[in-house]
């Protein structure tokens, strides 16, 4: 999931399809890249489970998976809590007086 979200274009595509279903061709029209490149971005998002696609006639329609995004958010919040705890501990260690220093 994090690899899929690492790219700015994929994050933008995800924002669009979370707001509503879009055809891949309509998405491609929004970017200064080839249809095939946008198709690959959508495929990465789909493989990560963030986007689902369905066929409607000749069009491939992409939708965002809100539950998958909530799952990512939950993981990020957990990681943030771990790192905030570590940073707080580093701050505490820096603030502690060094027992090896002499008070002269």
N, C-alpha and C. Protein backbone atom coordinates (compact mmCIF):
# COMPACT_ATOMS: atom_id res chain seq x y z
N UNK A 1 0.82 -1.20 0.00
CA UNK A 1 0.00 0.00 0.00
C UNK A 1 0.87 1.26 0.00
N UNK A 2 1.92 1.24 0.83
CA UNK A 2 2.75 2.44 0.93
C UNK A 2 3.49 2.72 -0.37
N UNK A 3 3.91 1.65 -1.07
CA UNK A 3 4.54 1.85 -2.37
C UNK A 3 3.56 2.52 -3.33
N UNK A 4 2.33 2.07 -3.31
CA UNK A 4 1.31 2.64 -4.21
C UNK A 4 1.07 4.10 -3.89
N UNK A 5 1.12 4.45 -2.62
CA UNK A 5 0.85 5.84 -2.20
C UNK A 5 2.08 6.74 -2.28
N UNK A 6 3.23 6.16 -2.58
CA UNK A 6 4.46 6.95 -2.63
C UNK A 6 4.50 7.90 -3.82
N UNK A 7 3.72 7.62 -4.83
CA UNK A 7 3.72 8.43 -6.05
C UNK A 7 2.62 9.48 -6.02
N UNK A 8 2.98 10.72 -6.35
CA UNK A 8 2.03 11.84 -6.31
C UNK A 8 0.85 11.63 -7.26
N UNK A 9 1.12 11.12 -8.45
CA UNK A 9 0.04 10.89 -9.41
C UNK A 9 -0.94 9.85 -8.89
N UNK A 10 -0.41 8.78 -8.30
CA UNK A 10 -1.31 7.75 -7.76
C UNK A 10 -2.14 8.29 -6.60
N UNK A 11 -1.54 9.13 -5.77
CA UNK A 11 -2.33 9.73 -4.68
C UNK A 11 -3.43 10.60 -5.25
N UNK A 12 -3.15 11.33 -6.33
CA UNK A 12 -4.17 12.17 -6.95
C UNK A 12 -5.28 11.32 -7.58
N UNK A 13 -4.88 10.26 -8.25
CA UNK A 13 -5.88 9.35 -8.84
C UNK A 13 -6.76 8.79 -7.72
N UNK A 14 -6.15 8.39 -6.62
CA UNK A 14 -6.92 7.84 -5.51
C UNK A 14 -7.92 8.86 -4.98
N UNK A 15 -7.49 10.12 -4.83
CA UNK A 15 -8.41 11.18 -4.37
C UNK A 15 -9.62 11.29 -5.30
N UNK A 16 -9.35 11.24 -6.59
CA UNK A 16 -10.43 11.38 -7.58
C UNK A 16 -11.42 10.21 -7.50
N UNK A 17 -10.89 8.99 -7.41
CA UNK A 17 -11.79 7.83 -7.44
C UNK A 17 -12.46 7.60 -6.09
N UNK A 18 -11.92 8.17 -5.02
CA UNK A 18 -12.63 8.12 -3.74
C UNK A 18 -13.84 9.04 -3.77
N UNK A 19 -13.75 10.11 -4.55
CA UNK A 19 -14.87 11.06 -4.67
C UNK A 19 -15.98 10.51 -5.56
N UNK A 20 -15.63 9.56 -6.42
CA UNK A 20 -16.63 8.98 -7.32
C UNK A 20 -15.96 8.13 -8.39
N UNK A 21 -16.72 7.24 -8.95
CA UNK A 21 -16.21 6.34 -9.98
C UNK A 21 -15.80 7.12 -11.22
N UNK A 22 -14.64 6.78 -11.79
CA UNK A 22 -14.14 7.42 -13.00
C UNK A 22 -13.69 6.35 -13.98
N UNK A 23 -13.88 6.60 -15.24
CA UNK A 23 -13.31 5.70 -16.24
C UNK A 23 -11.82 5.98 -16.31
N UNK A 24 -11.05 4.97 -16.66
CA UNK A 24 -9.61 5.14 -16.77
C UNK A 24 -9.29 6.14 -17.87
N UNK A 25 -10.07 6.16 -18.93
CA UNK A 25 -9.83 7.12 -20.01
C UNK A 25 -10.09 8.55 -19.54
N UNK A 26 -11.11 8.76 -18.70
CA UNK A 26 -11.37 10.10 -18.16
C UNK A 26 -10.23 10.51 -17.23
N UNK A 27 -9.74 9.57 -16.45
CA UNK A 27 -8.59 9.88 -15.58
C UNK A 27 -7.39 10.26 -16.43
N UNK A 28 -7.15 9.50 -17.49
CA UNK A 28 -5.98 9.76 -18.34
C UNK A 28 -6.03 11.15 -18.96
N UNK A 29 -7.22 11.64 -19.24
CA UNK A 29 -7.36 12.97 -19.84
C UNK A 29 -6.93 14.07 -18.87
N UNK A 30 -6.87 13.75 -17.58
CA UNK A 30 -6.51 14.74 -16.57
C UNK A 30 -5.01 14.89 -16.37
N UNK A 31 -4.23 14.04 -16.99
CA UNK A 31 -2.78 14.04 -16.74
C UNK A 31 -2.00 14.21 -18.04
N UNK A 32 -0.83 14.78 -17.88
CA UNK A 32 0.06 14.99 -19.02
C UNK A 32 0.95 13.77 -19.20
N UNK A 33 0.31 12.64 -19.44
CA UNK A 33 1.02 11.38 -19.67
C UNK A 33 0.14 10.50 -20.53
N UNK A 34 0.69 9.42 -21.00
CA UNK A 34 -0.07 8.54 -21.89
C UNK A 34 -1.16 7.79 -21.13
N UNK A 35 -2.13 7.32 -21.90
CA UNK A 35 -3.20 6.49 -21.34
C UNK A 35 -2.59 5.26 -20.66
N UNK A 36 -1.60 4.66 -21.32
CA UNK A 36 -0.97 3.46 -20.77
C UNK A 36 -0.31 3.74 -19.42
N UNK A 37 0.30 4.91 -19.28
CA UNK A 37 0.94 5.26 -18.00
C UNK A 37 -0.10 5.39 -16.90
N UNK A 38 -1.22 6.03 -17.19
CA UNK A 38 -2.29 6.17 -16.19
C UNK A 38 -2.86 4.80 -15.87
N UNK A 39 -3.01 3.98 -16.89
CA UNK A 39 -3.52 2.62 -16.70
C UNK A 39 -2.60 1.85 -15.74
N UNK A 40 -1.29 2.04 -15.88
CA UNK A 40 -0.34 1.36 -14.98
C UNK A 40 -0.47 1.89 -13.55
N UNK A 41 -0.65 3.19 -13.40
CA UNK A 41 -0.85 3.77 -12.07
C UNK A 41 -2.10 3.17 -11.41
N UNK A 42 -3.17 3.07 -12.16
CA UNK A 42 -4.41 2.50 -11.64
C UNK A 42 -4.18 1.03 -11.27
N UNK A 43 -3.41 0.31 -12.08
CA UNK A 43 -3.12 -1.10 -11.79
C UNK A 43 -2.33 -1.25 -10.49
N UNK A 44 -1.39 -0.34 -10.23
CA UNK A 44 -0.63 -0.39 -8.97
C UNK A 44 -1.57 -0.16 -7.78
N UNK A 45 -2.47 0.81 -7.92
CA UNK A 45 -3.45 1.08 -6.86
C UNK A 45 -4.38 -0.11 -6.66
N UNK A 46 -4.76 -0.74 -7.76
CA UNK A 46 -5.65 -1.90 -7.67
C UNK A 46 -4.94 -3.07 -7.00
N UNK A 47 -3.69 -3.31 -7.37
CA UNK A 47 -2.91 -4.40 -6.77
C UNK A 47 -2.74 -4.19 -5.27
N UNK A 48 -2.62 -2.93 -4.85
CA UNK A 48 -2.48 -2.60 -3.43
C UNK A 48 -3.80 -2.69 -2.68
N UNK A 49 -4.89 -2.86 -3.42
CA UNK A 49 -6.21 -2.98 -2.79
C UNK A 49 -6.87 -1.65 -2.47
N UNK A 50 -6.33 -0.57 -3.02
CA UNK A 50 -6.88 0.76 -2.76
C UNK A 50 -7.95 1.16 -3.76
N UNK A 51 -7.94 0.51 -4.91
CA UNK A 51 -8.87 0.82 -6.01
C UNK A 51 -9.44 -0.49 -6.53
N UNK A 52 -10.70 -0.45 -6.91
CA UNK A 52 -11.31 -1.59 -7.60
C UNK A 52 -11.72 -1.12 -8.99
N UNK A 53 -11.67 -2.05 -9.94
CA UNK A 53 -12.09 -1.73 -11.31
C UNK A 53 -13.21 -2.68 -11.71
N UNK A 54 -14.08 -2.15 -12.56
CA UNK A 54 -15.12 -2.99 -13.16
C UNK A 54 -15.28 -2.56 -14.60
N UNK A 55 -15.77 -3.47 -15.40
CA UNK A 55 -16.00 -3.18 -16.82
C UNK A 55 -17.44 -2.73 -17.01
N UNK A 56 -17.60 -1.73 -17.84
CA UNK A 56 -18.92 -1.29 -18.27
C UNK A 56 -18.81 -1.08 -19.77
N UNK A 57 -19.22 -2.09 -20.52
CA UNK A 57 -19.03 -2.03 -21.97
C UNK A 57 -17.55 -2.06 -22.28
N UNK A 58 -17.09 -1.06 -23.00
CA UNK A 58 -15.67 -1.00 -23.37
C UNK A 58 -14.83 -0.23 -22.36
N UNK A 59 -15.49 0.35 -21.37
CA UNK A 59 -14.76 1.17 -20.41
C UNK A 59 -14.41 0.40 -19.15
N UNK A 60 -13.24 0.73 -18.60
CA UNK A 60 -12.84 0.24 -17.28
C UNK A 60 -13.12 1.37 -16.30
N UNK A 61 -13.96 1.10 -15.30
CA UNK A 61 -14.32 2.11 -14.31
C UNK A 61 -13.61 1.82 -13.00
N UNK A 62 -12.98 2.84 -12.44
CA UNK A 62 -12.22 2.70 -11.20
C UNK A 62 -12.94 3.39 -10.06
N UNK A 63 -12.93 2.73 -8.90
CA UNK A 63 -13.51 3.28 -7.67
C UNK A 63 -12.51 3.11 -6.55
N UNK A 64 -12.51 4.06 -5.62
CA UNK A 64 -11.64 3.95 -4.46
C UNK A 64 -12.27 3.08 -3.39
N UNK A 65 -11.44 2.36 -2.66
CA UNK A 65 -11.91 1.51 -1.57
C UNK A 65 -11.70 2.27 -0.26
N UNK A 66 -12.76 2.83 0.27
CA UNK A 66 -12.69 3.67 1.48
C UNK A 66 -12.16 2.87 2.66
N UNK A 67 -12.58 1.63 2.81
CA UNK A 67 -12.12 0.80 3.94
C UNK A 67 -10.61 0.56 3.87
N UNK A 68 -10.08 0.37 2.68
CA UNK A 68 -8.63 0.18 2.53
C UNK A 68 -7.89 1.45 2.93
N UNK A 69 -8.42 2.60 2.57
CA UNK A 69 -7.79 3.87 2.94
C UNK A 69 -7.85 4.05 4.45
N UNK A 70 -8.95 3.67 5.06
CA UNK A 70 -9.05 3.74 6.53
C UNK A 70 -8.02 2.83 7.19
N UNK A 71 -7.78 1.69 6.59
CA UNK A 71 -6.78 0.76 7.10
C UNK A 71 -5.38 1.37 7.04
N UNK A 72 -5.08 2.03 5.93
CA UNK A 72 -3.79 2.71 5.79
C UNK A 72 -3.67 3.80 6.84
N UNK A 73 -4.73 4.56 7.02
CA UNK A 73 -4.73 5.64 8.02
C UNK A 73 -4.45 5.08 9.41
N UNK A 74 -5.08 3.98 9.73
CA UNK A 74 -4.89 3.35 11.03
C UNK A 74 -3.44 2.92 11.22
N UNK A 75 -2.85 2.31 10.19
CA UNK A 75 -1.45 1.90 10.27
C UNK A 75 -0.53 3.10 10.46
N UNK A 76 -0.81 4.17 9.72
CA UNK A 76 0.01 5.38 9.85
C UNK A 76 -0.10 6.00 11.23
N UNK A 77 -1.29 5.99 11.80
CA UNK A 77 -1.46 6.53 13.16
C UNK A 77 -0.68 5.71 14.18
N UNK A 78 -0.68 4.39 14.01
CA UNK A 78 0.09 3.53 14.91
C UNK A 78 1.59 3.82 14.78
N UNK A 79 2.07 3.93 13.55
CA UNK A 79 3.48 4.23 13.33
C UNK A 79 3.85 5.61 13.88
N UNK A 80 2.96 6.57 13.71
CA UNK A 80 3.21 7.90 14.23
C UNK A 80 3.34 7.86 15.76
N UNK A 81 2.49 7.10 16.42
CA UNK A 81 2.55 7.00 17.88
C UNK A 81 3.87 6.39 18.32
N UNK A 82 4.33 5.36 17.62
CA UNK A 82 5.61 4.74 17.96
C UNK A 82 6.74 5.76 17.82
N UNK A 83 6.77 6.47 16.70
CA UNK A 83 7.86 7.42 16.47
C UNK A 83 7.78 8.62 17.40
N UNK A 84 6.59 9.08 17.71
CA UNK A 84 6.46 10.19 18.67
C UNK A 84 7.00 9.77 20.05
N UNK A 85 6.73 8.51 20.43
CA UNK A 85 7.26 7.99 21.69
C UNK A 85 8.78 7.94 21.68
N UNK A 86 9.35 7.51 20.58
CA UNK A 86 10.80 7.44 20.46
C UNK A 86 11.43 8.82 20.51
N UNK A 87 10.81 9.76 19.82
CA UNK A 87 11.33 11.14 19.81
C UNK A 87 11.24 11.75 21.20
N UNK A 88 10.14 11.48 21.89
CA UNK A 88 9.99 11.99 23.26
C UNK A 88 11.08 11.42 24.15
N UNK A 89 11.37 10.14 23.97
CA UNK A 89 12.43 9.51 24.78
C UNK A 89 13.79 10.12 24.46
N UNK A 90 14.06 10.40 23.22
CA UNK A 90 15.32 11.04 22.83
C UNK A 90 15.42 12.42 23.49
N UNK A 91 14.32 13.15 23.45
CA UNK A 91 14.29 14.47 24.10
C UNK A 91 14.60 14.35 25.59
N UNK A 92 14.03 13.32 26.24
CA UNK A 92 14.29 13.11 27.67
C UNK A 92 15.77 12.80 27.91
N UNK A 93 16.34 11.97 27.05
CA UNK A 93 17.75 11.61 27.21
C UNK A 93 18.66 12.82 27.02
N UNK A 94 18.32 13.65 26.07
CA UNK A 94 19.12 14.86 25.82
C UNK A 94 19.01 15.81 27.01
N UNK A 95 17.85 15.89 27.62
CA UNK A 95 17.63 16.81 28.73
C UNK A 95 18.28 16.33 30.02
N UNK A 96 18.53 15.03 30.15
CA UNK A 96 19.14 14.49 31.37
C UNK A 96 20.57 15.00 31.49
N UNK A 97 21.00 15.33 32.70
CA UNK A 97 22.39 15.72 32.88
C UNK A 97 23.30 14.52 32.64
N UNK A 98 24.44 14.77 32.09
CA UNK A 98 25.40 13.71 31.81
C UNK A 98 26.13 13.38 33.10
N UNK A 99 26.03 12.13 33.58
CA UNK A 99 26.68 11.78 34.85
C UNK A 99 28.20 11.78 34.75
N UNK A 100 28.74 11.78 33.56
CA UNK A 100 30.19 11.77 33.37
C UNK A 100 30.78 13.17 33.34
N UNK A 101 29.94 14.17 33.27
CA UNK A 101 30.43 15.55 33.30
C UNK A 101 30.70 15.96 34.74
N UNK A 102 31.75 16.70 34.95
CA UNK A 102 32.06 17.19 36.29
C UNK A 102 31.44 18.56 36.48
N UNK A 103 30.96 18.77 37.65
CA UNK A 103 30.48 20.10 38.01
C UNK A 103 31.62 20.82 38.70
N UNK A 104 32.23 21.70 37.99
CA UNK A 104 33.38 22.43 38.55
C UNK A 104 33.05 23.84 38.81
